[in-house]
Amino acid sequence: MTMPDTHRQPLVADYLSRLDAAAYQLPADQRAELVDGIREHLDSALTGVDPADDVQVRAVLDRLGAPEEIVAAALEGAPPAWSTASSAPAAQTGSGVGVREIFAVILLLIGGIILPVIGWFIGLVLLWSSDRWTNRDKIIGTFVWPGGYLLPVSLGLFPAQVCTSDSVTGAESCSGWGMPAWLGVPALVVLFLAPLAVAGYLITRARR
C-alpha cells in the first residue's frame, strides 16, 4: 500500500520510525494496532497542514506525544493515544514538564549567575534538545534575554554614579557608571521581567 504524502514529511517519517522501533516491546497484534492507529490519527490531524511547514507539523506531533511515551502508556494499559483528542495528551504526557524542561528554564534564568556564562549555555542546550517546545518557543527562550538574569545583575554590580561639585570653582565631576533615570529604570524593569515572563511561557508551552 502506498503511504500518504504526509508520511513522507521528514518529521513525520522520523516520528513513525521512532514509533516502530519503540513498539517492538509490544506483542505483534498490539504493536500493529498501535502503529496503524497512530498513522490514521496523523493522517487526520495533518489534513490541511502544509507539509513544508515544519512548525505546524511539529506542533501536531508534540500534541500527540513522544513515540516512546505512547509505547510506555500502551505497556501500562493506558487508553490508546488516538482514542479521544481530549484525553490523549493527559494519558501520554501528564503535565508535559519533565526534569530536562525544568532544568532548562532554571538555567536559562540564573544559570549564567551560578556558572558564569556557561550555565546559561547549558540551559540553551537543554532547551533546544527537548521535544516539548516548537522552534518558535526555542527562539523566544534563546533571545529574551540572552544570559537570563546575568545581564541585569551585572549592571547592578557597577558602582552608581556619584557627582561632586568643587566649592571654589563650582565645577561638577562625576565618577562611576550611570544612565538617565528615564532610560535606566524602564530598562532594568524590562531586563528583570522579560526572562521571568519567558520562563512562564516556556513552562506553559511544555505542559501542552
N, C-alpha and C. Protein backbone atom coordinates (compact mmCIF):
# COMPACT_ATOMS: atom_id res chain seq x y z
N MET A 1 0.85 -1.19 0.00
CA MET A 1 0.00 0.00 0.00
C MET A 1 0.89 1.24 0.00
N THR A 2 0.56 2.23 -0.83
CA THR A 2 1.35 3.47 -0.89
C THR A 2 1.02 4.35 0.30
N MET A 3 2.07 4.85 0.94
CA MET A 3 1.86 5.69 2.12
C MET A 3 1.38 7.06 1.69
N PRO A 4 0.52 7.69 2.49
CA PRO A 4 0.09 9.05 2.19
C PRO A 4 1.29 9.99 2.18
N ASP A 5 1.14 11.09 1.46
CA ASP A 5 2.23 12.06 1.35
C ASP A 5 2.68 12.57 2.70
N THR A 6 1.75 12.67 3.65
CA THR A 6 2.12 13.19 4.98
C THR A 6 3.18 12.32 5.64
N HIS A 7 3.18 11.02 5.34
CA HIS A 7 4.15 10.11 5.95
C HIS A 7 5.55 10.29 5.37
N ARG A 8 5.64 10.98 4.24
CA ARG A 8 6.95 11.23 3.64
C ARG A 8 7.57 12.51 4.19
N GLN A 9 6.78 13.31 4.90
CA GLN A 9 7.34 14.52 5.51
C GLN A 9 8.43 14.11 6.49
N PRO A 10 9.63 14.73 6.42
CA PRO A 10 10.77 14.25 7.23
C PRO A 10 10.46 14.10 8.72
N LEU A 11 9.77 15.08 9.32
CA LEU A 11 9.48 14.99 10.74
C LEU A 11 8.53 13.84 11.04
N VAL A 12 7.54 13.65 10.18
CA VAL A 12 6.58 12.57 10.36
C VAL A 12 7.26 11.21 10.15
N ALA A 13 8.10 11.13 9.11
CA ALA A 13 8.81 9.87 8.85
C ALA A 13 9.70 9.50 10.02
N ASP A 14 10.39 10.50 10.58
CA ASP A 14 11.25 10.23 11.74
C ASP A 14 10.42 9.80 12.94
N TYR A 15 9.27 10.45 13.13
CA TYR A 15 8.37 10.12 14.24
C TYR A 15 7.89 8.66 14.13
N LEU A 16 7.45 8.28 12.93
CA LEU A 16 6.95 6.92 12.73
C LEU A 16 8.07 5.89 12.86
N SER A 17 9.29 6.27 12.43
CA SER A 17 10.42 5.37 12.59
C SER A 17 10.71 5.12 14.07
N ARG A 18 10.66 6.18 14.88
CA ARG A 18 10.87 6.04 16.32
C ARG A 18 9.76 5.19 16.94
N LEU A 19 8.53 5.40 16.46
CA LEU A 19 7.41 4.63 16.98
C LEU A 19 7.58 3.14 16.67
N ASP A 20 7.98 2.83 15.42
CA ASP A 20 8.20 1.44 15.04
C ASP A 20 9.27 0.80 15.92
N ALA A 21 10.35 1.53 16.16
CA ALA A 21 11.45 0.99 16.96
C ALA A 21 11.01 0.73 18.40
N ALA A 22 10.29 1.70 18.99
CA ALA A 22 9.87 1.56 20.38
C ALA A 22 8.81 0.47 20.54
N ALA A 23 7.97 0.30 19.51
CA ALA A 23 6.82 -0.62 19.62
C ALA A 23 7.22 -2.09 19.56
N TYR A 24 8.49 -2.39 19.30
CA TYR A 24 8.92 -3.78 19.28
C TYR A 24 8.79 -4.43 20.65
N GLN A 25 8.61 -3.64 21.70
CA GLN A 25 8.39 -4.19 23.04
C GLN A 25 7.02 -4.82 23.19
N LEU A 26 6.10 -4.47 22.29
CA LEU A 26 4.71 -4.92 22.39
C LEU A 26 4.50 -6.23 21.64
N PRO A 27 3.48 -6.99 22.04
CA PRO A 27 3.09 -8.17 21.25
C PRO A 27 2.74 -7.74 19.83
N ALA A 28 2.92 -8.65 18.87
CA ALA A 28 2.77 -8.30 17.45
C ALA A 28 1.42 -7.68 17.12
N ASP A 29 0.32 -8.27 17.65
CA ASP A 29 -1.01 -7.74 17.33
C ASP A 29 -1.23 -6.37 17.95
N GLN A 30 -0.76 -6.19 19.19
CA GLN A 30 -0.91 -4.90 19.84
C GLN A 30 -0.04 -3.83 19.15
N ARG A 31 1.16 -4.25 18.73
CA ARG A 31 2.05 -3.33 18.03
C ARG A 31 1.42 -2.85 16.73
N ALA A 32 0.84 -3.79 15.97
CA ALA A 32 0.21 -3.42 14.69
C ALA A 32 -0.96 -2.47 14.92
N GLU A 33 -1.76 -2.76 15.94
CA GLU A 33 -2.90 -1.89 16.24
C GLU A 33 -2.44 -0.49 16.62
N LEU A 34 -1.39 -0.43 17.43
CA LEU A 34 -0.90 0.87 17.88
C LEU A 34 -0.35 1.69 16.72
N VAL A 35 0.52 1.08 15.92
CA VAL A 35 1.16 1.80 14.81
C VAL A 35 0.11 2.23 13.79
N ASP A 36 -0.82 1.33 13.46
CA ASP A 36 -1.86 1.69 12.48
C ASP A 36 -2.74 2.82 13.02
N GLY A 37 -3.04 2.75 14.31
CA GLY A 37 -3.88 3.79 14.90
C GLY A 37 -3.20 5.15 14.87
N ILE A 38 -1.90 5.17 15.16
CA ILE A 38 -1.16 6.43 15.14
C ILE A 38 -1.08 6.97 13.72
N ARG A 39 -0.85 6.11 12.75
CA ARG A 39 -0.80 6.55 11.35
C ARG A 39 -2.12 7.18 10.93
N GLU A 40 -3.22 6.53 11.29
CA GLU A 40 -4.53 7.08 10.93
C GLU A 40 -4.77 8.41 11.63
N HIS A 41 -4.36 8.48 12.90
CA HIS A 41 -4.52 9.72 13.64
C HIS A 41 -3.74 10.85 12.97
N LEU A 42 -2.52 10.57 12.54
CA LEU A 42 -1.69 11.58 11.88
C LEU A 42 -2.29 12.00 10.55
N ASP A 43 -2.83 11.04 9.81
CA ASP A 43 -3.48 11.38 8.55
C ASP A 43 -4.58 12.41 8.77
N SER A 44 -5.37 12.19 9.82
CA SER A 44 -6.47 13.10 10.13
C SER A 44 -5.97 14.43 10.66
N ALA A 45 -5.01 14.37 11.61
CA ALA A 45 -4.53 15.60 12.25
C ALA A 45 -3.77 16.50 11.29
N LEU A 46 -3.12 15.91 10.28
CA LEU A 46 -2.31 16.69 9.35
C LEU A 46 -3.07 17.14 8.11
N THR A 47 -4.36 16.81 8.07
CA THR A 47 -5.18 17.26 6.95
C THR A 47 -5.22 18.80 6.94
N GLY A 48 -4.86 19.38 5.84
CA GLY A 48 -4.86 20.84 5.73
C GLY A 48 -3.58 21.51 6.20
N VAL A 49 -2.66 20.72 6.75
CA VAL A 49 -1.38 21.27 7.20
C VAL A 49 -0.38 21.21 6.06
N ASP A 50 0.31 22.30 5.83
CA ASP A 50 1.33 22.35 4.78
C ASP A 50 2.52 21.46 5.17
N PRO A 51 2.80 20.40 4.41
CA PRO A 51 3.91 19.50 4.77
C PRO A 51 5.26 20.22 4.84
N ALA A 52 5.37 21.35 4.14
CA ALA A 52 6.64 22.09 4.15
C ALA A 52 6.80 22.97 5.39
N ASP A 53 5.71 23.13 6.15
CA ASP A 53 5.76 23.98 7.35
C ASP A 53 6.12 23.11 8.55
N ASP A 54 7.41 23.06 8.88
CA ASP A 54 7.87 22.20 9.97
C ASP A 54 7.28 22.61 11.32
N VAL A 55 6.99 23.90 11.50
CA VAL A 55 6.45 24.37 12.77
C VAL A 55 5.07 23.78 13.01
N GLN A 56 4.21 23.82 11.99
CA GLN A 56 2.86 23.27 12.13
C GLN A 56 2.90 21.75 12.31
N VAL A 57 3.76 21.10 11.53
CA VAL A 57 3.85 19.64 11.63
C VAL A 57 4.36 19.24 13.01
N ARG A 58 5.40 19.94 13.49
CA ARG A 58 5.94 19.61 14.82
C ARG A 58 4.89 19.84 15.91
N ALA A 59 4.06 20.88 15.74
CA ALA A 59 3.03 21.16 16.74
C ALA A 59 2.04 19.99 16.83
N VAL A 60 1.69 19.41 15.68
CA VAL A 60 0.80 18.24 15.66
C VAL A 60 1.46 17.05 16.37
N LEU A 61 2.74 16.84 16.07
CA LEU A 61 3.46 15.71 16.68
C LEU A 61 3.63 15.92 18.18
N ASP A 62 3.89 17.18 18.58
CA ASP A 62 4.05 17.47 20.00
C ASP A 62 2.77 17.20 20.77
N ARG A 63 1.63 17.55 20.15
CA ARG A 63 0.34 17.30 20.83
C ARG A 63 0.08 15.81 20.99
N LEU A 64 0.55 15.03 20.03
CA LEU A 64 0.35 13.59 20.10
C LEU A 64 1.23 12.96 21.18
N GLY A 65 2.43 13.50 21.37
CA GLY A 65 3.34 12.98 22.39
C GLY A 65 4.49 12.20 21.77
N ALA A 66 5.55 12.03 22.53
CA ALA A 66 6.73 11.30 22.05
C ALA A 66 6.38 9.83 21.81
N PRO A 67 6.91 9.21 20.75
CA PRO A 67 6.62 7.79 20.47
C PRO A 67 6.93 6.88 21.65
N GLU A 68 8.05 7.15 22.32
CA GLU A 68 8.44 6.30 23.44
C GLU A 68 7.43 6.36 24.58
N GLU A 69 6.84 7.54 24.78
CA GLU A 69 5.83 7.69 25.83
C GLU A 69 4.52 7.01 25.45
N ILE A 70 4.20 7.04 24.17
CA ILE A 70 3.00 6.35 23.70
C ILE A 70 3.12 4.84 23.93
N VAL A 71 4.29 4.29 23.59
CA VAL A 71 4.52 2.86 23.79
C VAL A 71 4.51 2.53 25.28
N ALA A 72 5.14 3.40 26.10
CA ALA A 72 5.15 3.16 27.54
C ALA A 72 3.73 3.14 28.10
N ALA A 73 2.89 4.06 27.59
CA ALA A 73 1.49 4.09 28.03
C ALA A 73 0.77 2.81 27.62
N ALA A 74 1.07 2.31 26.42
CA ALA A 74 0.45 1.07 25.94
C ALA A 74 0.89 -0.11 26.81
N LEU A 75 2.14 -0.12 27.21
CA LEU A 75 2.65 -1.20 28.07
C LEU A 75 1.96 -1.19 29.43
N GLU A 76 1.57 0.01 29.89
CA GLU A 76 0.91 0.14 31.19
C GLU A 76 -0.60 -0.03 31.09
N GLY A 77 -1.09 -0.23 29.86
CA GLY A 77 -2.53 -0.43 29.68
C GLY A 77 -3.33 0.84 29.62
N ALA A 78 -2.65 1.99 29.34
CA ALA A 78 -3.37 3.26 29.23
C ALA A 78 -4.21 3.26 27.95
N PRO A 79 -5.26 4.10 27.87
CA PRO A 79 -6.09 4.18 26.66
C PRO A 79 -5.25 4.55 25.45
N PRO A 80 -5.60 4.07 24.26
CA PRO A 80 -4.86 4.42 23.04
C PRO A 80 -4.76 5.92 22.86
N ALA A 81 -3.63 6.37 22.33
CA ALA A 81 -3.38 7.81 22.20
C ALA A 81 -4.39 8.50 21.29
N TRP A 82 -4.91 7.77 20.30
CA TRP A 82 -5.80 8.39 19.33
C TRP A 82 -7.28 8.22 19.68
N SER A 83 -7.56 7.59 20.83
CA SER A 83 -8.95 7.26 21.13
C SER A 83 -9.83 8.49 21.30
N THR A 84 -9.32 9.50 22.02
CA THR A 84 -10.05 10.76 22.16
C THR A 84 -9.05 11.89 22.14
N ALA A 85 -9.37 12.92 21.40
CA ALA A 85 -8.44 14.05 21.28
C ALA A 85 -8.20 14.73 22.60
N SER A 86 -9.22 14.76 23.47
CA SER A 86 -9.08 15.50 24.72
C SER A 86 -8.28 14.74 25.76
N SER A 87 -8.40 13.39 25.78
CA SER A 87 -7.73 12.64 26.82
C SER A 87 -6.33 12.20 26.44
N ALA A 88 -5.99 12.23 25.15
CA ALA A 88 -4.70 11.73 24.72
C ALA A 88 -3.52 12.41 25.38
N PRO A 89 -3.42 13.74 25.37
CA PRO A 89 -2.25 14.35 25.97
C PRO A 89 -2.11 14.02 27.45
N ALA A 90 -3.22 13.99 28.19
CA ALA A 90 -3.13 13.71 29.62
C ALA A 90 -2.67 12.29 29.86
N ALA A 91 -3.17 11.33 29.04
CA ALA A 91 -2.81 9.94 29.23
C ALA A 91 -1.35 9.69 28.88
N GLN A 92 -0.83 10.45 27.87
CA GLN A 92 0.51 10.18 27.41
C GLN A 92 1.57 10.91 28.21
N THR A 93 1.35 12.19 28.48
CA THR A 93 2.45 13.01 28.96
C THR A 93 2.23 13.65 30.31
N GLY A 94 1.07 13.50 30.91
CA GLY A 94 0.82 14.16 32.18
C GLY A 94 0.94 15.66 32.02
N SER A 95 1.74 16.30 32.89
CA SER A 95 1.89 17.75 32.82
C SER A 95 2.74 18.16 31.64
N GLY A 96 3.53 17.24 31.07
CA GLY A 96 4.38 17.57 29.95
C GLY A 96 5.68 18.21 30.35
N VAL A 97 5.86 18.52 31.63
CA VAL A 97 7.08 19.17 32.09
C VAL A 97 7.96 18.14 32.78
N GLY A 98 9.08 17.81 32.14
CA GLY A 98 9.99 16.83 32.70
C GLY A 98 11.17 17.51 33.39
N VAL A 99 12.07 16.68 33.87
CA VAL A 99 13.26 17.20 34.57
C VAL A 99 14.09 18.07 33.63
N ARG A 100 14.22 17.63 32.37
CA ARG A 100 15.01 18.40 31.41
C ARG A 100 14.43 19.80 31.22
N GLU A 101 13.11 19.87 31.08
CA GLU A 101 12.48 21.16 30.85
C GLU A 101 12.63 22.08 32.06
N ILE A 102 12.48 21.51 33.27
CA ILE A 102 12.62 22.32 34.48
C ILE A 102 14.03 22.88 34.60
N PHE A 103 15.03 22.01 34.39
CA PHE A 103 16.42 22.48 34.47
C PHE A 103 16.72 23.49 33.37
N ALA A 104 16.14 23.28 32.18
CA ALA A 104 16.37 24.24 31.09
C ALA A 104 15.89 25.63 31.48
N VAL A 105 14.68 25.71 32.03
CA VAL A 105 14.13 27.02 32.41
C VAL A 105 14.95 27.65 33.54
N ILE A 106 15.32 26.85 34.54
CA ILE A 106 16.10 27.38 35.66
C ILE A 106 17.44 27.92 35.18
N LEU A 107 18.12 27.15 34.33
CA LEU A 107 19.44 27.57 33.86
C LEU A 107 19.35 28.75 32.90
N LEU A 108 18.27 28.83 32.13
CA LEU A 108 18.10 29.99 31.27
C LEU A 108 17.91 31.27 32.10
N LEU A 109 17.31 31.12 33.28
CA LEU A 109 17.10 32.27 34.16
C LEU A 109 18.36 32.65 34.93
N ILE A 110 18.93 31.70 35.65
CA ILE A 110 20.02 32.04 36.58
C ILE A 110 21.29 31.22 36.34
N GLY A 111 21.30 30.41 35.28
CA GLY A 111 22.48 29.59 35.02
C GLY A 111 23.73 30.43 34.79
N GLY A 112 23.55 31.59 34.15
CA GLY A 112 24.69 32.45 33.89
C GLY A 112 25.28 33.05 35.15
N ILE A 113 24.50 33.06 36.23
CA ILE A 113 24.99 33.57 37.51
C ILE A 113 25.65 32.45 38.31
N ILE A 114 25.01 31.26 38.30
CA ILE A 114 25.56 30.11 39.04
C ILE A 114 26.90 29.68 38.44
N LEU A 115 26.90 29.48 37.13
CA LEU A 115 28.13 29.16 36.39
C LEU A 115 28.28 30.24 35.33
N PRO A 116 29.01 31.28 35.61
CA PRO A 116 29.08 32.44 34.71
C PRO A 116 29.16 32.06 33.24
N VAL A 117 28.16 32.52 32.50
CA VAL A 117 28.02 32.33 31.05
C VAL A 117 27.74 30.85 30.71
N ILE A 118 28.58 29.93 31.18
CA ILE A 118 28.46 28.52 30.82
C ILE A 118 27.10 27.96 31.24
N GLY A 119 26.63 28.34 32.43
CA GLY A 119 25.36 27.83 32.93
C GLY A 119 24.22 28.13 32.00
N TRP A 120 24.21 29.35 31.44
CA TRP A 120 23.14 29.72 30.51
C TRP A 120 23.22 28.89 29.24
N PHE A 121 24.43 28.61 28.75
CA PHE A 121 24.58 27.81 27.54
C PHE A 121 24.13 26.37 27.77
N ILE A 122 24.33 25.86 28.98
CA ILE A 122 23.83 24.51 29.30
C ILE A 122 22.30 24.51 29.22
N GLY A 123 21.67 25.55 29.77
CA GLY A 123 20.22 25.68 29.66
C GLY A 123 19.77 25.76 28.22
N LEU A 124 20.57 26.43 27.39
CA LEU A 124 20.25 26.57 25.97
C LEU A 124 20.27 25.21 25.27
N VAL A 125 21.26 24.39 25.62
CA VAL A 125 21.35 23.04 25.03
C VAL A 125 20.14 22.21 25.45
N LEU A 126 19.76 22.28 26.72
CA LEU A 126 18.59 21.54 27.18
C LEU A 126 17.32 22.03 26.50
N LEU A 127 17.23 23.34 26.27
CA LEU A 127 16.07 23.92 25.59
C LEU A 127 15.93 23.35 24.18
N TRP A 128 17.02 23.40 23.42
CA TRP A 128 16.96 23.00 22.01
C TRP A 128 16.92 21.48 21.82
N SER A 129 17.31 20.72 22.84
CA SER A 129 17.28 19.26 22.71
C SER A 129 15.96 18.66 23.17
N SER A 130 15.08 19.49 23.75
CA SER A 130 13.78 19.00 24.21
C SER A 130 12.78 19.00 23.07
N ASP A 131 11.91 17.99 23.04
CA ASP A 131 10.87 17.94 22.01
C ASP A 131 9.55 18.51 22.53
N ARG A 132 9.59 19.17 23.70
CA ARG A 132 8.37 19.75 24.26
C ARG A 132 8.08 21.15 23.71
N TRP A 133 9.06 21.73 23.06
CA TRP A 133 8.89 23.10 22.55
C TRP A 133 9.08 23.14 21.04
N THR A 134 8.33 24.03 20.40
CA THR A 134 8.49 24.24 18.97
C THR A 134 9.71 25.13 18.73
N ASN A 135 10.10 25.26 17.48
CA ASN A 135 11.24 26.11 17.15
C ASN A 135 10.98 27.56 17.56
N ARG A 136 9.73 28.00 17.42
CA ARG A 136 9.40 29.37 17.82
C ARG A 136 9.61 29.55 19.32
N ASP A 137 9.17 28.56 20.12
CA ASP A 137 9.37 28.63 21.57
C ASP A 137 10.86 28.71 21.89
N LYS A 138 11.66 27.91 21.19
CA LYS A 138 13.09 27.86 21.47
C LYS A 138 13.79 29.16 21.09
N ILE A 139 13.32 29.78 20.01
CA ILE A 139 13.90 31.07 19.60
C ILE A 139 13.58 32.14 20.65
N ILE A 140 12.33 32.13 21.14
CA ILE A 140 11.95 33.09 22.19
C ILE A 140 12.78 32.86 23.44
N GLY A 141 12.94 31.59 23.83
CA GLY A 141 13.73 31.26 25.02
C GLY A 141 15.19 31.64 24.88
N THR A 142 15.68 31.68 23.64
CA THR A 142 17.09 32.00 23.40
C THR A 142 17.36 33.49 23.44
N PHE A 143 16.47 34.26 22.84
CA PHE A 143 16.78 35.68 22.63
C PHE A 143 16.10 36.64 23.60
N VAL A 144 15.29 36.14 24.52
CA VAL A 144 14.65 37.04 25.50
C VAL A 144 14.90 36.50 26.92
N TRP A 145 15.93 36.94 27.59
CA TRP A 145 17.11 37.63 27.10
C TRP A 145 18.30 36.70 27.12
N PRO A 146 19.25 36.84 26.19
CA PRO A 146 20.47 36.03 26.26
C PRO A 146 21.18 36.24 27.59
N GLY A 147 21.49 35.16 28.26
CA GLY A 147 22.16 35.27 29.56
C GLY A 147 21.20 35.30 30.73
N GLY A 148 19.89 35.41 30.48
CA GLY A 148 18.92 35.46 31.58
C GLY A 148 19.16 36.65 32.49
N TYR A 149 19.30 36.38 33.79
CA TYR A 149 19.50 37.46 34.76
C TYR A 149 20.96 37.87 34.90
N LEU A 150 21.84 37.27 34.10
CA LEU A 150 23.26 37.65 34.19
C LEU A 150 23.46 39.11 33.84
N LEU A 151 22.79 39.59 32.79
CA LEU A 151 22.97 40.97 32.35
C LEU A 151 22.47 41.98 33.38
N PRO A 152 21.21 41.87 33.85
CA PRO A 152 20.76 42.86 34.83
C PRO A 152 21.54 42.81 36.14
N VAL A 153 21.94 41.60 36.58
CA VAL A 153 22.74 41.51 37.80
C VAL A 153 24.11 42.14 37.60
N SER A 154 24.70 41.92 36.43
CA SER A 154 26.00 42.52 36.13
C SER A 154 25.92 44.03 36.11
N LEU A 155 24.84 44.56 35.53
CA LEU A 155 24.68 46.01 35.52
C LEU A 155 24.54 46.56 36.93
N GLY A 156 23.91 45.77 37.81
CA GLY A 156 23.73 46.23 39.19
C GLY A 156 25.02 46.24 39.98
N LEU A 157 26.05 45.51 39.49
CA LEU A 157 27.32 45.47 40.19
C LEU A 157 28.20 46.68 39.89
N PHE A 158 27.85 47.41 38.82
CA PHE A 158 28.64 48.61 38.53
C PHE A 158 28.40 49.66 39.61
N PRO A 159 29.43 50.39 40.02
CA PRO A 159 29.22 51.43 41.03
C PRO A 159 28.31 52.52 40.51
N ALA A 160 27.42 52.95 41.37
CA ALA A 160 26.50 54.01 40.97
C ALA A 160 27.27 55.29 40.70
N GLN A 161 26.74 56.11 39.84
CA GLN A 161 27.39 57.36 39.50
C GLN A 161 27.26 58.35 40.66
N VAL A 162 28.39 58.89 41.05
CA VAL A 162 28.42 59.87 42.13
C VAL A 162 29.03 61.16 41.60
N CYS A 163 28.35 62.28 41.82
CA CYS A 163 28.81 63.57 41.32
C CYS A 163 29.07 64.50 42.50
N THR A 164 30.17 65.22 42.40
CA THR A 164 30.52 66.20 43.43
C THR A 164 30.83 67.53 42.77
N SER A 165 30.61 68.62 43.51
CA SER A 165 30.87 69.96 43.00
C SER A 165 32.01 70.59 43.78
N ASP A 166 32.91 71.23 43.06
CA ASP A 166 34.01 71.94 43.70
C ASP A 166 33.47 73.20 44.35
N SER A 167 33.74 73.37 45.66
CA SER A 167 33.21 74.51 46.39
C SER A 167 33.77 75.84 45.92
N VAL A 168 34.92 75.80 45.28
CA VAL A 168 35.54 77.05 44.84
C VAL A 168 35.12 77.41 43.43
N THR A 169 35.32 76.47 42.52
CA THR A 169 35.03 76.75 41.11
C THR A 169 33.60 76.44 40.72
N GLY A 170 32.94 75.59 41.52
CA GLY A 170 31.58 75.19 41.17
C GLY A 170 31.52 74.13 40.10
N ALA A 171 32.69 73.65 39.65
CA ALA A 171 32.72 72.62 38.61
C ALA A 171 32.26 71.29 39.20
N GLU A 172 31.51 70.55 38.40
CA GLU A 172 30.98 69.26 38.84
C GLU A 172 31.76 68.13 38.19
N SER A 173 32.16 67.13 38.99
CA SER A 173 32.84 65.96 38.46
C SER A 173 32.10 64.71 38.92
N CYS A 174 32.02 63.74 38.02
CA CYS A 174 31.25 62.52 38.31
C CYS A 174 32.14 61.29 38.14
N SER A 175 31.89 60.28 38.96
CA SER A 175 32.60 59.01 38.87
C SER A 175 31.59 57.88 38.92
N GLY A 176 32.00 56.71 38.43
CA GLY A 176 31.08 55.58 38.40
C GLY A 176 30.30 55.54 37.10
N TRP A 177 29.37 54.61 37.04
CA TRP A 177 28.60 54.42 35.80
C TRP A 177 27.14 54.75 36.06
N GLY A 178 26.50 55.33 35.10
CA GLY A 178 25.09 55.64 35.28
C GLY A 178 24.45 56.00 33.96
N MET A 179 23.14 56.02 33.96
CA MET A 179 22.38 56.44 32.78
C MET A 179 21.19 57.24 33.27
N PRO A 180 20.58 58.04 32.40
CA PRO A 180 19.42 58.84 32.83
C PRO A 180 18.33 57.96 33.43
N ALA A 181 17.69 58.47 34.48
CA ALA A 181 16.66 57.68 35.16
C ALA A 181 15.53 57.29 34.22
N TRP A 182 15.17 58.19 33.29
CA TRP A 182 14.05 57.91 32.39
C TRP A 182 14.36 56.71 31.48
N LEU A 183 15.66 56.43 31.29
CA LEU A 183 16.05 55.29 30.48
C LEU A 183 16.45 54.10 31.34
N GLY A 184 17.17 54.36 32.41
CA GLY A 184 17.69 53.28 33.24
C GLY A 184 16.62 52.48 33.95
N VAL A 185 15.64 53.15 34.54
CA VAL A 185 14.59 52.44 35.30
C VAL A 185 13.76 51.53 34.40
N PRO A 186 13.21 52.03 33.26
CA PRO A 186 12.46 51.12 32.39
C PRO A 186 13.32 49.97 31.86
N ALA A 187 14.60 50.26 31.56
CA ALA A 187 15.48 49.22 31.03
C ALA A 187 15.66 48.10 32.04
N LEU A 188 15.90 48.46 33.31
CA LEU A 188 16.09 47.44 34.34
C LEU A 188 14.80 46.65 34.58
N VAL A 189 13.65 47.34 34.53
CA VAL A 189 12.37 46.65 34.71
C VAL A 189 12.19 45.59 33.62
N VAL A 190 12.47 45.99 32.37
CA VAL A 190 12.33 45.06 31.25
C VAL A 190 13.30 43.90 31.39
N LEU A 191 14.56 44.22 31.75
CA LEU A 191 15.59 43.19 31.87
C LEU A 191 15.26 42.17 32.97
N PHE A 192 14.55 42.61 34.01
CA PHE A 192 14.19 41.69 35.09
C PHE A 192 12.90 40.93 34.79
N LEU A 193 11.94 41.60 34.15
CA LEU A 193 10.64 40.96 33.93
C LEU A 193 10.62 40.05 32.70
N ALA A 194 11.36 40.42 31.65
CA ALA A 194 11.32 39.64 30.41
C ALA A 194 11.74 38.19 30.61
N PRO A 195 12.88 37.90 31.27
CA PRO A 195 13.24 36.49 31.47
C PRO A 195 12.19 35.72 32.28
N LEU A 196 11.60 36.39 33.27
CA LEU A 196 10.58 35.73 34.09
C LEU A 196 9.35 35.41 33.26
N ALA A 197 8.96 36.35 32.40
CA ALA A 197 7.80 36.13 31.54
C ALA A 197 8.06 34.98 30.57
N VAL A 198 9.27 34.93 30.02
CA VAL A 198 9.61 33.85 29.09
C VAL A 198 9.64 32.51 29.81
N ALA A 199 10.13 32.49 31.04
CA ALA A 199 10.14 31.24 31.82
C ALA A 199 8.71 30.72 32.00
N GLY A 200 7.79 31.61 32.36
CA GLY A 200 6.39 31.20 32.49
C GLY A 200 5.81 30.71 31.18
N TYR A 201 6.17 31.38 30.10
CA TYR A 201 5.71 30.99 28.77
C TYR A 201 6.20 29.59 28.40
N LEU A 202 7.49 29.33 28.66
CA LEU A 202 8.06 28.03 28.32
C LEU A 202 7.43 26.90 29.14
N ILE A 203 7.19 27.15 30.42
CA ILE A 203 6.55 26.14 31.27
C ILE A 203 5.14 25.84 30.76
N THR A 204 4.42 26.90 30.40
CA THR A 204 3.06 26.73 29.89
C THR A 204 3.06 25.92 28.60
N ARG A 205 3.99 26.26 27.71
CA ARG A 205 4.06 25.55 26.44
C ARG A 205 4.45 24.08 26.63
N ALA A 206 5.35 23.82 27.59
CA ALA A 206 5.78 22.43 27.85
C ALA A 206 4.62 21.59 28.35
N ARG A 207 3.74 22.20 29.13
CA ARG A 207 2.58 21.45 29.66
C ARG A 207 1.62 21.06 28.58
N ARG A 208 1.62 21.78 27.47
CA ARG A 208 0.73 21.43 26.34
C ARG A 208 1.25 20.25 25.57
